[in-house]
Every structure is written in structure tokens, then in C-alpha cells.
Amino acid sequence: MEVNDSNGNTLHDGDSVQLVQDLKVKGRSAILRSGSIINNIRLTDSVMEVEGRIGNRRVRLKTVYLRKV
């Protein structure tokens, strides 16, 4: 299974990604700002999602909003 970011680059476990758009996180009042870097992502069963850690919580992010750093 090959997971790609918004630019078509292949993502792997442990990569760092950058947000390309502001995102509202469900269940939190915080907003993730574009340009924020998320380190050490994990691939999921879905081709369209990855997991990342923001603070103490793990969140699932859609790959169309990410760019490989």
C-alpha cells in the first residue's frame, strides 16, 4: 500500500509532515495552523489517513492536507 501526500510524495512511518491548511480538530477547541510540523507519523490501514501526535493526543490526519518535509 502506497500513501501519498498532497504533492504526490510517498509517505513512510516516521516521516515528518507539514500542514498546508488550517484544520479544526474534532473534540478539541484548538485549531492546527498551516505550516505546523508533525513529526513521527504512523501509517494507518487507510490510504487517505495517517496518525500523528499533537501534544499528548494522537490524531488522524487526511493526507490531502499534508506535505512531506
N, C-alpha and C. Protein backbone atom coordinates (compact mmCIF):
# COMPACT_ATOMS: atom_id res chain seq x y z
N MET A 1 0.85 -1.18 0.00
CA MET A 1 0.00 0.00 0.00
C MET A 1 0.90 1.24 0.00
N GLU A 2 0.65 2.15 -0.91
CA GLU A 2 1.44 3.37 -1.02
C GLU A 2 0.60 4.56 -0.61
N VAL A 3 1.10 5.34 0.36
CA VAL A 3 0.39 6.52 0.86
C VAL A 3 1.12 7.75 0.35
N ASN A 4 0.39 8.67 -0.27
CA ASN A 4 0.99 9.88 -0.84
C ASN A 4 0.45 11.12 -0.15
N ASP A 5 1.29 12.17 -0.10
CA ASP A 5 0.85 13.45 0.44
C ASP A 5 0.16 14.28 -0.64
N SER A 6 -0.11 15.53 -0.37
CA SER A 6 -0.84 16.37 -1.33
C SER A 6 -0.04 16.64 -2.60
N ASN A 7 1.28 16.52 -2.53
CA ASN A 7 2.13 16.76 -3.71
C ASN A 7 2.49 15.48 -4.45
N GLY A 8 2.04 14.34 -3.95
CA GLY A 8 2.33 13.07 -4.61
C GLY A 8 3.56 12.36 -4.08
N ASN A 9 4.23 12.91 -3.05
CA ASN A 9 5.39 12.25 -2.46
C ASN A 9 4.94 11.08 -1.60
N THR A 10 5.70 10.00 -1.59
CA THR A 10 5.36 8.82 -0.81
C THR A 10 5.70 9.05 0.65
N LEU A 11 4.76 8.71 1.54
CA LEU A 11 4.97 8.83 2.99
C LEU A 11 5.30 7.47 3.58
N HIS A 12 6.17 7.48 4.60
CA HIS A 12 6.57 6.27 5.32
C HIS A 12 6.43 6.51 6.81
N ASP A 13 6.40 5.43 7.60
CA ASP A 13 6.39 5.56 9.06
C ASP A 13 7.60 6.37 9.50
N GLY A 14 7.38 7.30 10.43
CA GLY A 14 8.47 8.08 10.98
C GLY A 14 8.79 9.36 10.23
N ASP A 15 8.11 9.63 9.12
CA ASP A 15 8.34 10.86 8.37
C ASP A 15 7.79 12.07 9.14
N SER A 16 8.27 13.24 8.76
CA SER A 16 7.73 14.50 9.27
C SER A 16 6.91 15.13 8.16
N VAL A 17 5.77 15.70 8.54
CA VAL A 17 4.89 16.34 7.57
C VAL A 17 4.52 17.73 8.05
N GLN A 18 4.11 18.57 7.10
CA GLN A 18 3.70 19.93 7.39
C GLN A 18 2.27 20.13 6.91
N LEU A 19 1.47 20.83 7.69
CA LEU A 19 0.09 21.11 7.29
C LEU A 19 0.06 22.19 6.23
N VAL A 20 -0.78 22.04 5.23
CA VAL A 20 -0.88 23.02 4.16
C VAL A 20 -2.13 23.89 4.31
N GLN A 21 -2.94 23.62 5.33
CA GLN A 21 -4.19 24.34 5.53
C GLN A 21 -4.53 24.29 7.02
N ASP A 22 -5.21 25.34 7.54
CA ASP A 22 -5.68 25.33 8.92
C ASP A 22 -6.74 24.24 9.08
N LEU A 23 -6.65 23.48 10.19
CA LEU A 23 -7.60 22.40 10.43
C LEU A 23 -8.19 22.50 11.83
N LYS A 24 -9.49 22.27 11.94
CA LYS A 24 -10.14 22.18 13.25
C LYS A 24 -10.14 20.72 13.67
N VAL A 25 -9.75 20.46 14.92
CA VAL A 25 -9.67 19.10 15.42
C VAL A 25 -10.96 18.77 16.16
N LYS A 26 -11.58 17.65 15.79
CA LYS A 26 -12.80 17.22 16.46
C LYS A 26 -12.49 16.91 17.92
N GLY A 27 -13.37 17.35 18.81
CA GLY A 27 -13.22 17.05 20.22
C GLY A 27 -12.29 17.99 20.96
N ARG A 28 -11.72 18.96 20.28
CA ARG A 28 -10.84 19.94 20.91
C ARG A 28 -11.24 21.33 20.42
N SER A 29 -10.91 22.31 21.24
CA SER A 29 -11.21 23.68 20.82
C SER A 29 -10.05 24.29 20.04
N ALA A 30 -8.96 23.56 19.91
CA ALA A 30 -7.78 24.08 19.23
C ALA A 30 -7.90 23.96 17.72
N ILE A 31 -7.17 24.81 17.04
CA ILE A 31 -7.07 24.76 15.59
C ILE A 31 -5.61 24.54 15.24
N LEU A 32 -5.36 23.60 14.33
CA LEU A 32 -4.00 23.36 13.87
C LEU A 32 -3.71 24.34 12.74
N ARG A 33 -2.69 25.12 12.89
CA ARG A 33 -2.36 26.16 11.91
C ARG A 33 -1.56 25.58 10.75
N SER A 34 -1.75 26.16 9.58
CA SER A 34 -0.97 25.73 8.43
C SER A 34 0.50 26.06 8.69
N GLY A 35 1.37 25.18 8.23
CA GLY A 35 2.79 25.34 8.48
C GLY A 35 3.28 24.58 9.69
N SER A 36 2.36 24.07 10.52
CA SER A 36 2.75 23.28 11.69
C SER A 36 3.37 21.98 11.22
N ILE A 37 4.44 21.58 11.89
CA ILE A 37 5.13 20.35 11.53
C ILE A 37 4.76 19.26 12.53
N ILE A 38 4.45 18.10 12.02
CA ILE A 38 4.12 16.93 12.84
C ILE A 38 5.17 15.89 12.56
N ASN A 39 5.90 15.50 13.60
CA ASN A 39 6.99 14.54 13.47
C ASN A 39 6.50 13.13 13.74
N ASN A 40 7.22 12.15 13.23
CA ASN A 40 7.00 10.74 13.55
C ASN A 40 5.57 10.28 13.26
N ILE A 41 5.12 10.42 12.04
CA ILE A 41 3.78 9.96 11.70
C ILE A 41 3.76 8.44 11.60
N ARG A 42 2.58 7.88 11.72
CA ARG A 42 2.38 6.44 11.53
C ARG A 42 1.33 6.24 10.46
N LEU A 43 1.56 5.28 9.61
CA LEU A 43 0.58 4.96 8.58
C LEU A 43 -0.53 4.13 9.18
N THR A 44 -1.74 4.28 8.66
CA THR A 44 -2.89 3.52 9.14
C THR A 44 -3.32 2.54 8.06
N ASP A 45 -4.42 1.86 8.30
CA ASP A 45 -4.97 0.93 7.31
C ASP A 45 -5.53 1.66 6.10
N SER A 46 -5.88 2.92 6.28
CA SER A 46 -6.46 3.72 5.21
C SER A 46 -5.36 4.42 4.40
N VAL A 47 -5.53 4.47 3.10
CA VAL A 47 -4.56 5.15 2.23
C VAL A 47 -4.68 6.67 2.38
N MET A 48 -5.83 7.15 2.82
CA MET A 48 -6.09 8.59 2.90
C MET A 48 -5.80 9.20 4.27
N GLU A 49 -5.32 8.42 5.26
CA GLU A 49 -5.10 8.94 6.60
C GLU A 49 -3.77 8.48 7.18
N VAL A 50 -3.21 9.33 8.05
CA VAL A 50 -2.04 8.98 8.85
C VAL A 50 -2.32 9.41 10.29
N GLU A 51 -1.58 8.84 11.23
CA GLU A 51 -1.70 9.23 12.62
C GLU A 51 -0.50 10.07 13.00
N GLY A 52 -0.75 11.09 13.80
CA GLY A 52 0.32 11.94 14.30
C GLY A 52 0.05 12.32 15.73
N ARG A 53 1.07 12.73 16.44
CA ARG A 53 0.92 13.12 17.84
C ARG A 53 0.98 14.63 17.92
N ILE A 54 -0.04 15.20 18.57
CA ILE A 54 -0.09 16.63 18.83
C ILE A 54 -0.28 16.78 20.33
N GLY A 55 0.76 17.23 21.00
CA GLY A 55 0.72 17.27 22.46
C GLY A 55 0.72 15.85 22.99
N ASN A 56 -0.25 15.52 23.82
CA ASN A 56 -0.36 14.18 24.39
C ASN A 56 -1.28 13.28 23.58
N ARG A 57 -2.00 13.84 22.64
CA ARG A 57 -3.03 13.07 21.93
C ARG A 57 -2.58 12.65 20.55
N ARG A 58 -3.07 11.51 20.13
CA ARG A 58 -2.87 11.04 18.76
C ARG A 58 -4.09 11.45 17.95
N VAL A 59 -3.84 12.00 16.77
CA VAL A 59 -4.94 12.40 15.89
C VAL A 59 -4.71 11.79 14.52
N ARG A 60 -5.80 11.57 13.81
CA ARG A 60 -5.73 11.09 12.43
C ARG A 60 -5.89 12.28 11.51
N LEU A 61 -4.99 12.37 10.55
CA LEU A 61 -5.00 13.48 9.62
C LEU A 61 -5.15 12.96 8.20
N LYS A 62 -5.92 13.66 7.40
CA LYS A 62 -6.09 13.28 6.00
C LYS A 62 -4.85 13.73 5.23
N THR A 63 -4.39 12.87 4.34
CA THR A 63 -3.15 13.13 3.61
C THR A 63 -3.27 14.27 2.60
N VAL A 64 -4.48 14.65 2.22
CA VAL A 64 -4.64 15.74 1.27
C VAL A 64 -4.27 17.10 1.89
N TYR A 65 -4.16 17.16 3.22
CA TYR A 65 -3.79 18.39 3.92
C TYR A 65 -2.34 18.38 4.39
N LEU A 66 -1.55 17.40 3.95
CA LEU A 66 -0.18 17.26 4.43
C LEU A 66 0.82 17.36 3.30
N ARG A 67 2.02 17.82 3.66
CA ARG A 67 3.13 17.88 2.71
C ARG A 67 4.37 17.32 3.43
N LYS A 68 5.09 16.46 2.76
CA LYS A 68 6.28 15.86 3.35
C LYS A 68 7.37 16.91 3.51
N VAL A 69 8.05 16.89 4.66
CA VAL A 69 9.13 17.85 4.93
C VAL A 69 10.46 17.19 4.64
